[in-house]
Amino acid sequence: MRAPQMSKTANMAVGAVFAAMFFISSNIIPPIYILPGVPVTFQILIVVLMAAILGTKGALITLGTVYVLTLAGLPMMSGFAGGIGAFARPSGGFIIGWVFLALTVGLYTDYIEPKIGASKVSAHKKSTYLLKSAGFITAGIIGLMLDYACGAVSMAFYSGAGFLFNFTASIAAYTALDTAKVIAALALCRAFRRAAGRILGLRRCR
């Protein structure tokens, strides 16, 4: 039997916390570049974590709030960037592509993970854990590829190189690092579930 979902108030409170965490994740370290104009940050970890905990709808609302705050001029992006200029740069496509990452992880958490838990294949606790972990990471990697595709469009515009070149370069440069962030988000999600699940009535990350 599932535990109840978070209340609307709790969902909003956690979403606000995630917006603050997103700002910190953007600027906790100075911009480090593997590819020109695309900084390494912890933003992807926060996007995946918010999708895992808040689900598709909550993650998209929170991410949308981050976008609105950025457009309003708040320094939500790497290098304390805000305003429309934060999107009008080589990394702009990656920023927009986080929507797909939130969708893939959120949809997995909302609809696929519960079915894994209820299936006969996952009758044992260990196999359930492994199946859910594999599914979560797969959803995250699919989201990363869609994000890279969006990023390749903006990079192609600024660099003059083609979409395929920039897409391949993004995969080579960031897949290992970003997959590690997805795995870290999975671990943090489960820790959050254990710490706050009974209080907030979370049903995720079991």
Protein backbone atom coordinates (compact mmCIF):
# COMPACT_ATOMS: atom_id res chain seq x y z
CA MET A 1 0.00 0.00 0.00
CA ARG A 2 1.34 3.44 -0.95
CA ALA A 3 1.98 6.13 1.58
CA PRO A 4 -0.03 9.30 0.90
CA GLN A 5 1.43 12.01 -1.30
CA MET A 6 2.69 15.29 0.12
CA SER A 7 0.07 17.89 0.92
CA LYS A 8 -0.14 20.96 -1.29
CA THR A 9 1.42 23.12 1.44
CA ALA A 10 4.29 20.69 1.98
CA ASN A 11 4.83 20.46 -1.78
CA MET A 12 5.09 24.24 -2.05
CA ALA A 13 7.46 24.42 0.91
CA VAL A 14 9.76 21.75 -0.51
CA GLY A 15 9.59 23.45 -3.93
CA ALA A 16 10.73 26.73 -2.36
CA VAL A 17 13.61 24.92 -0.69
CA PHE A 18 14.59 23.43 -4.04
CA ALA A 19 14.58 26.88 -5.68
CA ALA A 20 17.02 28.06 -3.01
CA MET A 21 19.11 24.91 -3.43
CA PHE A 22 19.19 25.54 -7.16
CA PHE A 23 20.71 28.99 -6.64
CA ILE A 24 23.37 27.47 -4.37
CA SER A 25 24.08 24.64 -6.81
CA SER A 26 24.62 27.19 -9.60
CA ASN A 27 27.18 29.25 -7.75
CA ILE A 28 28.74 27.11 -5.02
CA ILE A 29 31.85 26.69 -7.17
CA PRO A 30 33.41 29.10 -9.69
CA PRO A 31 32.52 28.30 -13.32
CA ILE A 32 34.63 25.42 -14.65
CA TYR A 33 34.49 24.77 -18.40
CA ILE A 34 35.11 21.52 -20.25
CA LEU A 35 33.46 22.81 -23.41
CA PRO A 36 33.57 26.56 -24.19
CA GLY A 37 30.68 28.43 -22.58
CA VAL A 38 29.19 25.43 -20.77
CA PRO A 39 30.11 25.46 -17.06
CA VAL A 40 30.19 22.44 -14.77
CA THR A 41 27.74 22.93 -11.88
CA PHE A 42 25.54 20.89 -9.52
CA GLN A 43 22.34 22.11 -11.19
CA ILE A 44 21.56 18.76 -12.83
CA LEU A 45 21.73 17.03 -9.45
CA ILE A 46 19.08 19.43 -8.10
CA VAL A 47 16.83 19.08 -11.16
CA VAL A 48 16.91 15.28 -10.88
CA LEU A 49 16.37 15.39 -7.14
CA MET A 50 13.37 17.72 -7.41
CA ALA A 51 11.83 15.47 -10.07
CA ALA A 52 12.35 12.40 -7.89
CA ILE A 53 10.82 13.99 -4.80
CA LEU A 54 8.17 16.34 -6.22
CA GLY A 55 7.20 14.28 -9.26
CA THR A 56 6.59 15.61 -12.76
CA LYS A 57 4.15 18.40 -11.95
CA GLY A 58 5.99 19.67 -8.88
CA ALA A 59 9.36 19.59 -10.63
CA LEU A 60 8.09 21.48 -13.67
CA ILE A 61 6.44 24.12 -11.48
CA THR A 62 9.62 24.55 -9.43
CA LEU A 63 11.83 24.65 -12.52
CA GLY A 64 9.45 27.13 -14.13
CA THR A 65 9.75 29.29 -11.02
CA VAL A 66 13.54 29.18 -11.35
CA TYR A 67 13.23 30.31 -14.98
CA VAL A 68 10.90 33.17 -14.05
CA LEU A 69 13.19 34.32 -11.24
CA THR A 70 16.12 34.20 -13.66
CA LEU A 71 14.28 36.25 -16.29
CA ALA A 72 13.34 38.72 -13.56
CA GLY A 73 17.04 39.34 -13.04
CA LEU A 74 17.86 37.17 -10.05
CA PRO A 75 21.32 35.52 -10.35
CA MET A 76 20.01 31.94 -10.43
CA MET A 77 22.42 30.63 -13.06
CA SER A 78 26.14 29.87 -13.05
CA GLY A 79 28.39 32.87 -12.57
CA PHE A 80 25.54 34.70 -10.81
CA ALA A 81 23.88 35.26 -14.18
CA GLY A 82 20.33 36.54 -14.39
CA GLY A 83 18.01 38.14 -16.92
CA ILE A 84 17.44 37.01 -20.48
CA GLY A 85 21.20 37.05 -20.99
CA ALA A 86 21.47 33.91 -18.86
CA PHE A 87 19.63 32.05 -21.63
CA ALA A 88 21.27 33.86 -24.55
CA ARG A 89 24.64 32.14 -24.31
CA PRO A 90 26.14 28.78 -25.38
CA SER A 91 24.75 27.02 -22.30
CA GLY A 92 21.22 28.38 -22.88
CA GLY A 93 20.04 25.23 -24.63
CA PHE A 94 21.19 23.09 -21.71
CA ILE A 95 19.20 25.30 -19.33
CA ILE A 96 16.02 24.87 -21.39
CA GLY A 97 16.76 21.15 -21.78
CA TRP A 98 16.40 20.61 -18.03
CA VAL A 99 12.67 20.47 -18.72
CA PHE A 100 13.18 17.12 -20.45
CA LEU A 101 15.33 15.84 -17.59
CA ALA A 102 12.59 16.75 -15.11
CA LEU A 103 10.04 15.03 -17.36
CA THR A 104 11.90 11.74 -17.80
CA VAL A 105 12.77 11.34 -14.11
CA GLY A 106 9.41 12.68 -12.94
CA LEU A 107 7.39 10.41 -15.22
CA TYR A 108 9.48 7.42 -14.17
CA THR A 109 8.91 8.22 -10.50
CA ASP A 110 5.20 8.89 -10.96
CA TYR A 111 4.20 6.00 -13.19
CA ILE A 112 6.87 3.37 -13.78
CA GLU A 113 8.49 2.92 -10.37
CA PRO A 114 5.20 2.05 -8.61
CA LYS A 115 4.57 -0.67 -11.22
CA ILE A 116 8.01 -2.16 -10.59
CA GLY A 117 7.20 -2.38 -6.90
CA ALA A 118 3.92 -4.12 -7.64
CA SER A 119 5.26 -6.57 -10.23
CA LYS A 120 5.88 -10.25 -9.58
CA VAL A 121 9.40 -9.88 -10.96
CA SER A 122 10.33 -7.69 -8.00
CA ALA A 123 8.94 -9.97 -5.31
CA HIS A 124 12.18 -9.81 -3.35
CA LYS A 125 13.35 -6.62 -1.68
CA LYS A 126 16.83 -6.75 -3.21
CA SER A 127 15.59 -7.24 -6.76
CA THR A 128 13.06 -4.44 -6.29
CA TYR A 129 15.82 -2.12 -5.13
CA LEU A 130 18.03 -2.99 -8.10
CA LEU A 131 15.22 -2.67 -10.65
CA LYS A 132 14.13 0.69 -9.29
CA SER A 133 17.71 1.95 -9.20
CA ALA A 134 18.36 0.82 -12.78
CA GLY A 135 15.11 2.38 -13.96
CA PHE A 136 15.84 5.66 -12.21
CA ILE A 137 19.35 5.90 -13.67
CA THR A 138 18.08 4.97 -17.14
CA ALA A 139 15.41 7.69 -16.96
CA GLY A 140 18.09 10.13 -15.89
CA ILE A 141 20.40 9.21 -18.76
CA ILE A 142 17.58 9.55 -21.31
CA GLY A 143 16.86 12.99 -19.86
CA LEU A 144 20.55 13.89 -20.11
CA MET A 145 20.66 12.95 -23.79
CA LEU A 146 17.63 15.15 -24.51
CA ASP A 147 19.27 17.95 -22.53
CA TYR A 148 22.48 17.57 -24.52
CA ALA A 149 20.48 17.72 -27.74
CA CYS A 150 19.01 21.07 -26.67
CA GLY A 151 22.45 22.23 -25.63
CA ALA A 152 23.93 21.22 -28.96
CA VAL A 153 21.50 23.56 -30.71
CA SER A 154 22.62 26.62 -28.75
CA MET A 155 26.28 25.62 -28.97
CA ALA A 156 25.98 25.20 -32.74
CA PHE A 157 24.56 28.72 -33.00
CA TYR A 158 27.50 30.26 -31.12
CA SER A 159 30.36 28.02 -32.23
CA GLY A 160 29.55 27.62 -35.90
CA ALA A 161 30.11 23.85 -35.65
CA GLY A 162 27.21 21.56 -36.54
CA PHE A 163 24.61 20.05 -34.26
CA LEU A 164 26.02 16.53 -34.50
CA PHE A 165 29.53 17.68 -33.60
CA ASN A 166 28.33 19.58 -30.54
CA PHE A 167 26.00 16.78 -29.46
CA THR A 168 28.81 14.23 -29.66
CA ALA A 169 31.18 16.57 -27.84
CA SER A 170 28.63 17.07 -25.05
CA ILE A 171 28.19 13.32 -24.63
CA ALA A 172 31.94 12.78 -24.47
CA ALA A 173 32.55 15.67 -22.09
CA TYR A 174 29.70 15.40 -19.63
CA THR A 175 28.01 11.98 -19.61
CA ALA A 176 30.18 10.36 -16.92
CA LEU A 177 30.06 13.39 -14.64
CA ASP A 178 26.33 13.98 -15.07
CA THR A 179 25.49 10.30 -14.61
CA ALA A 180 27.33 10.47 -11.29
CA LYS A 181 25.03 13.36 -10.37
CA VAL A 182 21.98 11.25 -11.24
CA ILE A 183 23.26 8.45 -8.99
CA ALA A 184 23.95 10.97 -6.21
CA ALA A 185 20.40 12.31 -6.59
CA LEU A 186 19.05 8.78 -6.21
CA ALA A 187 21.00 8.29 -2.98
CA LEU A 188 19.95 11.69 -1.63
CA CYS A 189 16.34 11.05 -2.54
CA ARG A 190 16.31 7.84 -0.54
CA ALA A 191 17.99 9.57 2.39
CA PHE A 192 15.38 12.32 2.22
CA ARG A 193 12.64 9.71 2.12
CA ARG A 194 13.94 8.04 5.26
CA ALA A 195 14.40 11.35 7.10
CA ALA A 196 11.19 13.15 6.17
CA GLY A 197 8.85 10.56 4.69
CA ARG A 198 6.79 9.99 7.80
CA ILE A 199 6.40 13.70 8.44
CA LEU A 200 5.48 14.79 4.91
CA GLY A 201 3.79 11.58 3.78
CA LEU A 202 6.18 11.05 0.89
CA ARG A 203 5.63 8.05 -1.31
CA ARG A 204 8.77 8.46 -3.43
CA CYS A 205 12.31 7.05 -3.42
CA ARG A 206 11.31 3.87 -1.60
